[in-house]
Amino acid sequence: MSVVVRDAEINKAKELIYELAGIHLSNDKDLAIKNRLNKLIKSCNIQNFDDFFSQLKTGKFKQEFINTFTNNKTDFFREDFHFVDMLDRILPHRLKESEPLKIWCSASSTGEEPYSIAATLSYGRDIYRSNTPCSILATDIDTSVLETAKIGEYVVDTCITPLPEWLDLENSFDITPKSERNVFIKVKPSLKNFITFKQLNLQLSTYPFGINEFDIIFCRNQIIYFKIEDQEKVLKKIFSYLKIGGTLYLGHSESPLGIQNKVEKLGQNIFIKVMD
């Protein structure tokens, strides 16, 4: 007898993904939730949802459940004005200093964003002739996308995702044409060396970093998946790990919420931290 996804299972799934990961799924997402639960039936061999949800409460299938309900929309150099800002405004002076430069990408997804950050950083080190130690921490709650990110191989439709002409892509990626519009991109080992991929649940009360640890934080198109009342809490925690004078990049539809009086806005969701 096949397992049927009913309204009760959909509602329970919404309750549990919020409890486990803080992800808020509204009622207009019910069809998508049903489809994802059907996917779970196959991957976890679910025979009975009551048993499955009980086991989920004890920690079994927790990661599989979270991975199923995360959203992983990303592209190379998405909202590329942030990368241009980093290259033109931050790196010229910061790469003259001997103190290590630390960057946190809090929504790694499948890796396109942290590799875009790394390519921009690598290009900056070349053109500014810098030996400043640099590192990028790329985190995500979804372990499956982190594994994809570590591999660093992609097929990109350049009509949908145009690649930038303002940096030398060949220094960071092996790029092979596949068709008139598609290219195969393989991240070079030298670029991977900048990045550490780790799992992190932003619902944790604290994160395993030092206060004021990072020079730059990319937190883009991520907090929109939380409830309004939770967005401010998460953003405040993320912000506490940014240095005074450091830069926070948010997604195009996100706002600084409860930290407005602690930042100076420079442009399209670019914020400089002026106080803790």
C-alpha atoms as a PDB file:
ATOM      1  CA  MET A   1       0.000   0.000   0.000  1.00  0.00           C
ATOM      2  CA  SER A   2       1.462   3.338  -1.062  1.00  0.00           C
ATOM      3  CA  VAL A   3       1.958   6.156   1.444  1.00  0.00           C
ATOM      4  CA  VAL A   4      -0.308   9.130   0.766  1.00  0.00           C
ATOM      5  CA  VAL A   5       0.645  12.728   1.575  1.00  0.00           C
ATOM      6  CA  ARG A   6      -2.349  14.423   3.201  1.00  0.00           C
ATOM      7  CA  ASP A   7      -2.899  17.906   4.620  1.00  0.00           C
ATOM      8  CA  ALA A   8      -1.923  16.601   8.061  1.00  0.00           C
ATOM      9  CA  GLU A   9       1.512  15.531   6.769  1.00  0.00           C
ATOM     10  CA  ILE A  10       1.995  18.832   4.980  1.00  0.00           C
ATOM     11  CA  ASN A  11       1.176  20.822   8.119  1.00  0.00           C
ATOM     12  CA  LYS A  12       3.420  18.617  10.274  1.00  0.00           C
ATOM     13  CA  ALA A  13       6.284  19.040   7.825  1.00  0.00           C
ATOM     14  CA  LYS A  14       5.911  22.832   7.967  1.00  0.00           C
ATOM     15  CA  GLU A  15       5.950  22.701  11.754  1.00  0.00           C
ATOM     16  CA  LEU A  16       9.043  20.500  11.911  1.00  0.00           C
ATOM     17  CA  ILE A  17      11.152  22.319   9.302  1.00  0.00           C
ATOM     18  CA  TYR A  18      10.514  25.537  11.216  1.00  0.00           C
ATOM     19  CA  GLU A  19      11.475  23.865  14.484  1.00  0.00           C
ATOM     20  CA  LEU A  20      14.639  22.265  13.066  1.00  0.00           C
ATOM     21  CA  ALA A  21      15.916  24.952  10.713  1.00  0.00           C
ATOM     22  CA  GLY A  22      13.814  28.090  11.178  1.00  0.00           C
ATOM     23  CA  ILE A  23      12.544  27.838   7.601  1.00  0.00           C
ATOM     24  CA  HIS A  24       9.063  29.321   7.237  1.00  0.00           C
ATOM     25  CA  LEU A  25       6.858  27.740   4.579  1.00  0.00           C
ATOM     26  CA  SER A  26       3.615  29.582   3.900  1.00  0.00           C
ATOM     27  CA  ASN A  27       0.338  27.981   2.836  1.00  0.00           C
ATOM     28  CA  ASP A  28       0.892  28.835  -0.811  1.00  0.00           C
ATOM     29  CA  LYS A  29       3.836  26.406  -0.769  1.00  0.00           C
ATOM     30  CA  ASP A  30       1.654  23.386   0.069  1.00  0.00           C
ATOM     31  CA  LEU A  31       1.949  21.802  -3.385  1.00  0.00           C
ATOM     32  CA  ALA A  32       5.742  22.126  -3.305  1.00  0.00           C
ATOM     33  CA  ILE A  33       5.796  20.646   0.194  1.00  0.00           C
ATOM     34  CA  LYS A  34       3.694  17.700  -0.992  1.00  0.00           C
ATOM     35  CA  ASN A  35       6.128  17.087  -3.861  1.00  0.00           C
ATOM     36  CA  ARG A  36       9.079  17.175  -1.497  1.00  0.00           C
ATOM     37  CA  LEU A  37       7.394  14.774   0.914  1.00  0.00           C
ATOM     38  CA  ASN A  38       6.797  12.392  -1.981  1.00  0.00           C
ATOM     39  CA  LYS A  39      10.514  12.623  -2.724  1.00  0.00           C
ATOM     40  CA  LEU A  40      11.256  11.755   0.910  1.00  0.00           C
ATOM     41  CA  ILE A  41       8.970   8.708   0.742  1.00  0.00           C
ATOM     42  CA  LYS A  42      11.281   7.234  -1.894  1.00  0.00           C
ATOM     43  CA  SER A  43      14.648   8.344  -0.512  1.00  0.00           C
ATOM     44  CA  CYS A  44      13.926   7.379   3.126  1.00  0.00           C
ATOM     45  CA  ASN A  45      11.636   4.418   2.358  1.00  0.00           C
ATOM     46  CA  ILE A  46       8.834   5.883   4.457  1.00  0.00           C
ATOM     47  CA  GLN A  47       6.088   3.365   5.245  1.00  0.00           C
ATOM     48  CA  ASN A  48       4.170   5.459   7.752  1.00  0.00           C
ATOM     49  CA  PHE A  49       4.419   9.209   8.308  1.00  0.00           C
ATOM     50  CA  ASP A  50       3.523   9.040  11.996  1.00  0.00           C
ATOM     51  CA  ASP A  51       6.505   6.743  12.570  1.00  0.00           C
ATOM     52  CA  PHE A  52       8.710   8.897  10.353  1.00  0.00           C
ATOM     53  CA  PHE A  53       7.889  12.118  12.211  1.00  0.00           C
ATOM     54  CA  SER A  54       8.429  10.371  15.562  1.00  0.00           C
ATOM     55  CA  GLN A  55      11.854   9.198  14.432  1.00  0.00           C
ATOM     56  CA  LEU A  56      12.592  12.659  13.098  1.00  0.00           C
ATOM     57  CA  LYS A  57      12.020  14.054  16.583  1.00  0.00           C
ATOM     58  CA  THR A  58      14.761  11.761  17.896  1.00  0.00           C
ATOM     59  CA  GLY A  59      17.230  12.911  15.246  1.00  0.00           C
ATOM     60  CA  LYS A  60      16.884  10.104  12.703  1.00  0.00           C
ATOM     61  CA  PHE A  61      16.468  11.338   9.109  1.00  0.00           C
ATOM     62  CA  LYS A  62      16.982  14.897  10.401  1.00  0.00           C
ATOM     63  CA  GLN A  63      19.553  15.892   7.804  1.00  0.00           C
ATOM     64  CA  GLU A  64      17.685  14.237   4.943  1.00  0.00           C
ATOM     65  CA  PHE A  65      14.540  16.094   5.990  1.00  0.00           C
ATOM     66  CA  ILE A  66      16.318  19.469   6.205  1.00  0.00           C
ATOM     67  CA  ASN A  67      18.074  18.943   2.871  1.00  0.00           C
ATOM     68  CA  THR A  68      14.730  18.232   1.206  1.00  0.00           C
ATOM     69  CA  PHE A  69      13.216  21.526   2.326  1.00  0.00           C
ATOM     70  CA  THR A  70      16.021  23.993   1.662  1.00  0.00           C
ATOM     71  CA  ASN A  71      15.968  26.373  -1.300  1.00  0.00           C
ATOM     72  CA  ASN A  72      19.166  26.479  -3.314  1.00  0.00           C
ATOM     73  CA  LYS A  73      18.723  29.064  -6.037  1.00  0.00           C
ATOM     74  CA  THR A  74      22.121  30.555  -6.860  1.00  0.00           C
ATOM     75  CA  ASP A  75      24.302  31.621  -9.804  1.00  0.00           C
ATOM     76  CA  PHE A  76      27.831  32.683 -10.529  1.00  0.00           C
ATOM     77  CA  PHE A  77      28.315  36.424  -9.894  1.00  0.00           C
ATOM     78  CA  ARG A  78      24.660  36.970  -9.056  1.00  0.00           C
ATOM     79  CA  GLU A  79      24.112  40.691  -8.334  1.00  0.00           C
ATOM     80  CA  ASP A  80      27.643  41.278  -9.578  1.00  0.00           C
ATOM     81  CA  PHE A  81      27.803  44.870  -8.321  1.00  0.00           C
ATOM     82  CA  HIS A  82      28.665  43.429  -4.900  1.00  0.00           C
ATOM     83  CA  PHE A  83      31.743  41.699  -6.297  1.00  0.00           C
ATOM     84  CA  VAL A  84      32.744  44.847  -8.181  1.00  0.00           C
ATOM     85  CA  ASP A  85      32.359  46.846  -4.966  1.00  0.00           C
ATOM     86  CA  MET A  86      34.583  44.393  -3.109  1.00  0.00           C
ATOM     87  CA  LEU A  87      37.209  44.538  -5.842  1.00  0.00           C
ATOM     88  CA  ASP A  88      37.228  48.322  -6.300  1.00  0.00           C
ATOM     89  CA  ARG A  89      36.534  49.635  -2.778  1.00  0.00           C
ATOM     90  CA  ILE A  90      37.644  47.073  -0.190  1.00  0.00           C
ATOM     91  CA  LEU A  91      40.522  45.116  -1.660  1.00  0.00           C
ATOM     92  CA  PRO A  92      42.855  47.955  -2.816  1.00  0.00           C
ATOM     93  CA  HIS A  93      43.552  49.078   0.764  1.00  0.00           C
ATOM     94  CA  ARG A  94      42.767  45.872   2.665  1.00  0.00           C
ATOM     95  CA  LEU A  95      45.202  43.791   0.615  1.00  0.00           C
ATOM     96  CA  LYS A  96      48.009  46.195   1.528  1.00  0.00           C
ATOM     97  CA  GLU A  97      47.708  45.090   5.164  1.00  0.00           C
ATOM     98  CA  SER A  98      49.480  42.058   6.627  1.00  0.00           C
ATOM     99  CA  GLU A  99      46.531  41.045   8.836  1.00  0.00           C
ATOM    100  CA  PRO A 100      44.648  38.079   7.325  1.00  0.00           C
ATOM    101  CA  LEU A 101      41.500  38.953   5.382  1.00  0.00           C
ATOM    102  CA  LYS A 102      38.531  36.812   6.397  1.00  0.00           C
ATOM    103  CA  ILE A 103      35.261  36.514   4.453  1.00  0.00           C
ATOM    104  CA  TRP A 104      32.116  34.613   5.414  1.00  0.00           C
ATOM    105  CA  CYS A 105      29.555  33.487   2.851  1.00  0.00           C
ATOM    106  CA  SER A 106      26.607  32.423   5.006  1.00  0.00           C
ATOM    107  CA  ALA A 107      24.576  30.852   2.186  1.00  0.00           C
ATOM    108  CA  SER A 108      26.969  28.686   0.196  1.00  0.00           C
ATOM    109  CA  SER A 109      24.327  26.595  -1.548  1.00  0.00           C
ATOM    110  CA  THR A 110      25.979  24.624  -4.380  1.00  0.00           C
ATOM    111  CA  GLY A 111      29.059  26.846  -4.328  1.00  0.00           C
ATOM    112  CA  GLU A 112      28.632  29.368  -7.135  1.00  0.00           C
ATOM    113  CA  GLU A 113      28.587  32.338  -4.748  1.00  0.00           C
ATOM    114  CA  PRO A 114      31.667  31.459  -2.663  1.00  0.00           C
ATOM    115  CA  TYR A 115      33.587  30.608  -5.841  1.00  0.00           C
ATOM    116  CA  SER A 116      32.569  33.995  -7.285  1.00  0.00           C
ATOM    117  CA  ILE A 117      33.881  35.642  -4.112  1.00  0.00           C
ATOM    118  CA  ALA A 118      37.099  33.623  -4.332  1.00  0.00           C
ATOM    119  CA  ALA A 119      37.635  34.462  -8.017  1.00  0.00           C
ATOM    120  CA  THR A 120      37.191  38.168  -7.257  1.00  0.00           C
ATOM    121  CA  LEU A 121      39.583  37.891  -4.318  1.00  0.00           C
ATOM    122  CA  SER A 122      42.166  35.994  -6.365  1.00  0.00           C
ATOM    123  CA  TYR A 123      41.962  38.568  -9.142  1.00  0.00           C
ATOM    124  CA  GLY A 124      42.362  41.358  -6.596  1.00  0.00           C
ATOM    125  CA  ARG A 125      45.459  39.734  -5.101  1.00  0.00           C
ATOM    126  CA  ASP A 126      46.966  39.576  -8.594  1.00  0.00           C
ATOM    127  CA  ILE A 127      46.238  43.120  -9.731  1.00  0.00           C
ATOM    128  CA  TYR A 128      47.147  44.656  -6.351  1.00  0.00           C
ATOM    129  CA  ARG A 129      50.202  42.381  -6.039  1.00  0.00           C
ATOM    130  CA  SER A 130      49.283  41.270  -2.559  1.00  0.00           C
ATOM    131  CA  ASN A 131      50.505  38.432  -0.350  1.00  0.00           C
ATOM    132  CA  THR A 132      47.952  39.124   2.388  1.00  0.00           C
ATOM    133  CA  PRO A 133      46.648  35.799   3.745  1.00  0.00           C
ATOM    134  CA  CYS A 134      43.002  35.392   2.719  1.00  0.00           C
ATOM    135  CA  SER A 135      40.309  32.869   3.569  1.00  0.00           C
ATOM    136  CA  ILE A 136      36.631  32.328   2.844  1.00  0.00           C
ATOM    137  CA  LEU A 137      34.281  30.355   5.076  1.00  0.00           C
ATOM    138  CA  ALA A 138      31.244  29.104   3.147  1.00  0.00           C
ATOM    139  CA  THR A 139      28.409  27.671   5.234  1.00  0.00           C
ATOM    140  CA  ASP A 140      25.012  26.135   4.588  1.00  0.00           C
ATOM    141  CA  ILE A 141      22.568  23.987   6.523  1.00  0.00           C
ATOM    142  CA  ASP A 142      22.119  21.606   3.571  1.00  0.00           C
ATOM    143  CA  THR A 143      24.866  18.970   3.489  1.00  0.00           C
ATOM    144  CA  SER A 144      24.002  17.764  -0.015  1.00  0.00           C
ATOM    145  CA  VAL A 145      24.657  21.160  -1.624  1.00  0.00           C
ATOM    146  CA  LEU A 146      27.912  21.483   0.319  1.00  0.00           C
ATOM    147  CA  GLU A 147      29.105  18.222  -1.232  1.00  0.00           C
ATOM    148  CA  THR A 148      28.270  19.597  -4.680  1.00  0.00           C
ATOM    149  CA  ALA A 149      30.132  22.792  -3.829  1.00  0.00           C
ATOM    150  CA  LYS A 150      33.265  20.910  -2.799  1.00  0.00           C
ATOM    151  CA  ILE A 151      33.378  19.176  -6.192  1.00  0.00           C
ATOM    152  CA  GLY A 152      33.246  22.538  -7.995  1.00  0.00           C
ATOM    153  CA  GLU A 153      31.971  21.452 -11.409  1.00  0.00           C
ATOM    154  CA  TYR A 154      29.087  23.203 -13.174  1.00  0.00           C
ATOM    155  CA  VAL A 155      27.260  23.537 -16.472  1.00  0.00           C
ATOM    156  CA  VAL A 156      26.308  27.191 -16.957  1.00  0.00           C
ATOM    157  CA  ASP A 157      23.852  28.649 -19.455  1.00  0.00           C
ATOM    158  CA  THR A 158      25.594  31.910 -20.307  1.00  0.00           C
ATOM    159  CA  CYS A 159      22.430  33.406 -21.770  1.00  0.00           C
ATOM    160  CA  ILE A 160      20.711  33.107 -18.400  1.00  0.00           C
ATOM    161  CA  THR A 161      23.858  33.636 -16.315  1.00  0.00           C
ATOM    162  CA  PRO A 162      26.243  35.932 -18.222  1.00  0.00           C
ATOM    163  CA  LEU A 163      29.792  35.625 -16.957  1.00  0.00           C
ATOM    164  CA  PRO A 164      31.580  38.896 -16.105  1.00  0.00           C
ATOM    165  CA  GLU A 165      34.124  40.502 -18.381  1.00  0.00           C
ATOM    166  CA  TRP A 166      35.761  42.589 -15.656  1.00  0.00           C
ATOM    167  CA  LEU A 167      38.034  39.821 -14.360  1.00  0.00           C
ATOM    168  CA  ASP A 168      40.155  37.061 -15.833  1.00  0.00           C
ATOM    169  CA  LEU A 169      37.981  33.967 -15.417  1.00  0.00           C
ATOM    170  CA  GLU A 170      40.624  31.671 -16.912  1.00  0.00           C
ATOM    171  CA  ASN A 171      42.861  32.196 -13.869  1.00  0.00           C
ATOM    172  CA  SER A 172      40.217  30.687 -11.599  1.00  0.00           C
ATOM    173  CA  PHE A 173      38.257  28.246 -13.738  1.00  0.00           C
ATOM    174  CA  ASP A 174      38.783  25.748 -16.528  1.00  0.00           C
ATOM    175  CA  ILE A 175      36.034  26.693 -18.977  1.00  0.00           C
ATOM    176  CA  THR A 176      34.997  24.409 -21.827  1.00  0.00           C
ATOM    177  CA  PRO A 177      32.229  25.263 -24.336  1.00  0.00           C
ATOM    178  CA  LYS A 178      29.501  22.606 -24.510  1.00  0.00           C
ATOM    179  CA  SER A 179      27.108  24.290 -26.928  1.00  0.00           C
ATOM    180  CA  GLU A 180      26.320  27.708 -28.340  1.00  0.00           C
ATOM    181  CA  ARG A 181      25.156  28.939 -24.940  1.00  0.00           C
ATOM    182  CA  ASN A 182      26.356  26.382 -22.365  1.00  0.00           C
ATOM    183  CA  VAL A 183      29.821  26.069 -20.872  1.00  0.00           C
ATOM    184  CA  PHE A 184      31.344  23.546 -18.470  1.00  0.00           C
ATOM    185  CA  ILE A 185      33.115  25.240 -15.567  1.00  0.00           C
ATOM    186  CA  LYS A 186      35.597  23.431 -13.340  1.00  0.00           C
ATOM    187  CA  VAL A 187      37.026  25.287 -10.373  1.00  0.00           C
ATOM    188  CA  LYS A 188      40.819  25.241 -10.242  1.00  0.00           C
ATOM    189  CA  PRO A 189      42.489  23.797  -7.124  1.00  0.00           C
ATOM    190  CA  SER A 190      44.203  27.131  -6.468  1.00  0.00           C
ATOM    191  CA  LEU A 191      40.775  28.755  -6.057  1.00  0.00           C
ATOM    192  CA  LYS A 192      39.431  25.964  -3.857  1.00  0.00           C
ATOM    193  CA  ASN A 193      42.336  26.582  -1.492  1.00  0.00           C
ATOM    194  CA  PHE A 194      40.751  29.878  -0.405  1.00  0.00           C
ATOM    195  CA  ILE A 195      37.523  28.225   0.767  1.00  0.00           C
ATOM    196  CA  THR A 196      36.458  26.045   3.682  1.00  0.00           C
ATOM    197  CA  PHE A 197      32.953  24.580   3.361  1.00  0.00           C
ATOM    198  CA  LYS A 198      31.122  23.800   6.610  1.00  0.00           C
ATOM    199  CA  GLN A 199      27.596  23.034   7.710  1.00  0.00           C
ATOM    200  CA  LEU A 200      25.927  25.635   9.915  1.00  0.00           C
ATOM    201  CA  ASN A 201      22.361  25.991  11.165  1.00  0.00           C
ATOM    202  CA  LEU A 202      21.627  29.706  11.579  1.00  0.00           C
ATOM    203  CA  GLN A 203      18.996  28.816  14.178  1.00  0.00           C
ATOM    204  CA  LEU A 204      21.770  28.075  16.684  1.00  0.00           C
ATOM    205  CA  SER A 205      21.957  30.546  19.561  1.00  0.00           C
ATOM    206  CA  THR A 206      25.595  31.298  18.753  1.00  0.00           C
ATOM    207  CA  TYR A 207      27.969  30.414  15.943  1.00  0.00           C
ATOM    208  CA  PRO A 208      31.470  28.911  16.332  1.00  0.00           C
ATOM    209  CA  PHE A 209      33.307  32.116  15.411  1.00  0.00           C
ATOM    210  CA  GLY A 210      34.983  34.930  17.253  1.00  0.00           C
ATOM    211  CA  ILE A 211      33.091  38.185  17.734  1.00  0.00           C
ATOM    212  CA  ASN A 212      34.169  40.717  15.072  1.00  0.00           C
ATOM    213  CA  GLU A 213      36.030  37.953  13.212  1.00  0.00           C
ATOM    214  CA  PHE A 214      35.156  38.737   9.592  1.00  0.00           C
ATOM    215  CA  ASP A 215      36.086  41.637   7.316  1.00  0.00           C
ATOM    216  CA  ILE A 216      33.299  40.879   4.837  1.00  0.00           C
ATOM    217  CA  ILE A 217      30.054  38.930   5.171  1.00  0.00           C
ATOM    218  CA  PHE A 218      27.886  37.899   2.237  1.00  0.00           C
ATOM    219  CA  CYS A 219      24.408  37.127   3.603  1.00  0.00           C
ATOM    220  CA  ARG A 220      22.341  37.321   0.452  1.00  0.00           C
ATOM    221  CA  ASN A 221      18.894  35.967  -0.354  1.00  0.00           C
ATOM    222  CA  GLN A 222      18.900  33.871   2.792  1.00  0.00           C
ATOM    223  CA  ILE A 223      17.091  35.533   5.697  1.00  0.00           C
ATOM    224  CA  ILE A 224      14.009  35.961   3.496  1.00  0.00           C
ATOM    225  CA  TYR A 225      13.252  32.290   4.224  1.00  0.00           C
ATOM    226  CA  PHE A 226      12.726  33.048   7.916  1.00  0.00           C
ATOM    227  CA  LYS A 227       9.683  34.527   9.594  1.00  0.00           C
ATOM    228  CA  ILE A 228       9.807  38.319   9.900  1.00  0.00           C
ATOM    229  CA  GLU A 229      10.270  38.122  13.663  1.00  0.00           C
ATOM    230  CA  ASP A 230      13.147  35.645  13.233  1.00  0.00           C
ATOM    231  CA  GLN A 231      14.899  37.554  10.451  1.00  0.00           C
ATOM    232  CA  GLU A 232      16.020  40.313  12.799  1.00  0.00           C
ATOM    233  CA  LYS A 233      17.353  37.839  15.378  1.00  0.00           C
ATOM    234  CA  VAL A 234      19.366  35.924  12.794  1.00  0.00           C
ATOM    235  CA  LEU A 235      20.742  39.056  11.158  1.00  0.00           C
ATOM    236  CA  LYS A 236      21.836  40.486  14.511  1.00  0.00           C
ATOM    237  CA  LYS A 237      23.752  37.288  15.264  1.00  0.00           C
ATOM    238  CA  ILE A 238      25.417  37.311  11.851  1.00  0.00           C
ATOM    239  CA  PHE A 239      26.249  41.008  12.227  1.00  0.00           C
ATOM    240  CA  SER A 240      27.993  40.431  15.581  1.00  0.00           C
ATOM    241  CA  TYR A 241      30.745  38.504  13.794  1.00  0.00           C
ATOM    242  CA  LEU A 242      31.555  41.416  11.447  1.00  0.00           C
ATOM    243  CA  LYS A 243      34.423  43.765  12.311  1.00  0.00           C
ATOM    244  CA  ILE A 244      33.851  47.484  12.824  1.00  0.00           C
ATOM    245  CA  GLY A 245      34.456  48.958   9.373  1.00  0.00           C
ATOM    246  CA  GLY A 246      33.621  45.636   7.758  1.00  0.00           C
ATOM    247  CA  THR A 247      31.129  45.213   4.926  1.00  0.00           C
ATOM    248  CA  LEU A 248      27.820  43.335   4.962  1.00  0.00           C
ATOM    249  CA  TYR A 249      26.218  42.427   1.638  1.00  0.00           C
ATOM    250  CA  LEU A 250      22.488  41.589   1.682  1.00  0.00           C
ATOM    251  CA  GLY A 251      20.231  40.308  -1.079  1.00  0.00           C
ATOM    252  CA  HIS A 252      18.202  42.663  -3.260  1.00  0.00           C
ATOM    253  CA  SER A 253      14.947  42.104  -1.327  1.00  0.00           C
ATOM    254  CA  GLU A 254      16.470  42.151   2.167  1.00  0.00           C
ATOM    255  CA  SER A 255      16.887  45.035   4.612  1.00  0.00           C
ATOM    256  CA  PRO A 256      19.130  45.641   7.645  1.00  0.00           C
ATOM    257  CA  LEU A 257      16.127  45.389   9.986  1.00  0.00           C
ATOM    258  CA  GLY A 258      17.244  45.959  13.588  1.00  0.00           C
ATOM    259  CA  ILE A 259      20.803  47.041  12.794  1.00  0.00           C
ATOM    260  CA  GLN A 260      19.980  50.194  10.816  1.00  0.00           C
ATOM    261  CA  ASN A 261      21.555  52.482  13.409  1.00  0.00           C
ATOM    262  CA  LYS A 262      24.772  50.434  13.401  1.00  0.00           C
ATOM    263  CA  VAL A 263      25.514  50.614   9.685  1.00  0.00           C
ATOM    264  CA  GLU A 264      26.225  53.115   6.953  1.00  0.00           C
ATOM    265  CA  LYS A 265      24.548  52.288   3.661  1.00  0.00           C
ATOM    266  CA  LEU A 266      26.757  52.729   0.610  1.00  0.00           C
ATOM    267  CA  GLY A 267      24.636  51.489  -2.266  1.00  0.00           C
ATOM    268  CA  GLN A 268      22.599  48.527  -3.432  1.00  0.00           C
ATOM    269  CA  ASN A 269      22.320  46.649  -0.131  1.00  0.00           C
ATOM    270  CA  ILE A 270      25.931  47.364   0.827  1.00  0.00           C
ATOM    271  CA  PHE A 271      26.363  48.203   4.510  1.00  0.00           C
ATOM    272  CA  ILE A 272      29.427  49.249   6.505  1.00  0.00           C
ATOM    273  CA  LYS A 273      29.455  48.402  10.212  1.00  0.00           C
ATOM    274  CA  VAL A 274      30.045  51.551  12.256  1.00  0.00           C
ATOM    275  CA  MET A 275      29.293  50.215  15.745  1.00  0.00           C
ATOM    276  CA  ASP A 276      28.590  46.993  17.652  1.00  0.00           C
END
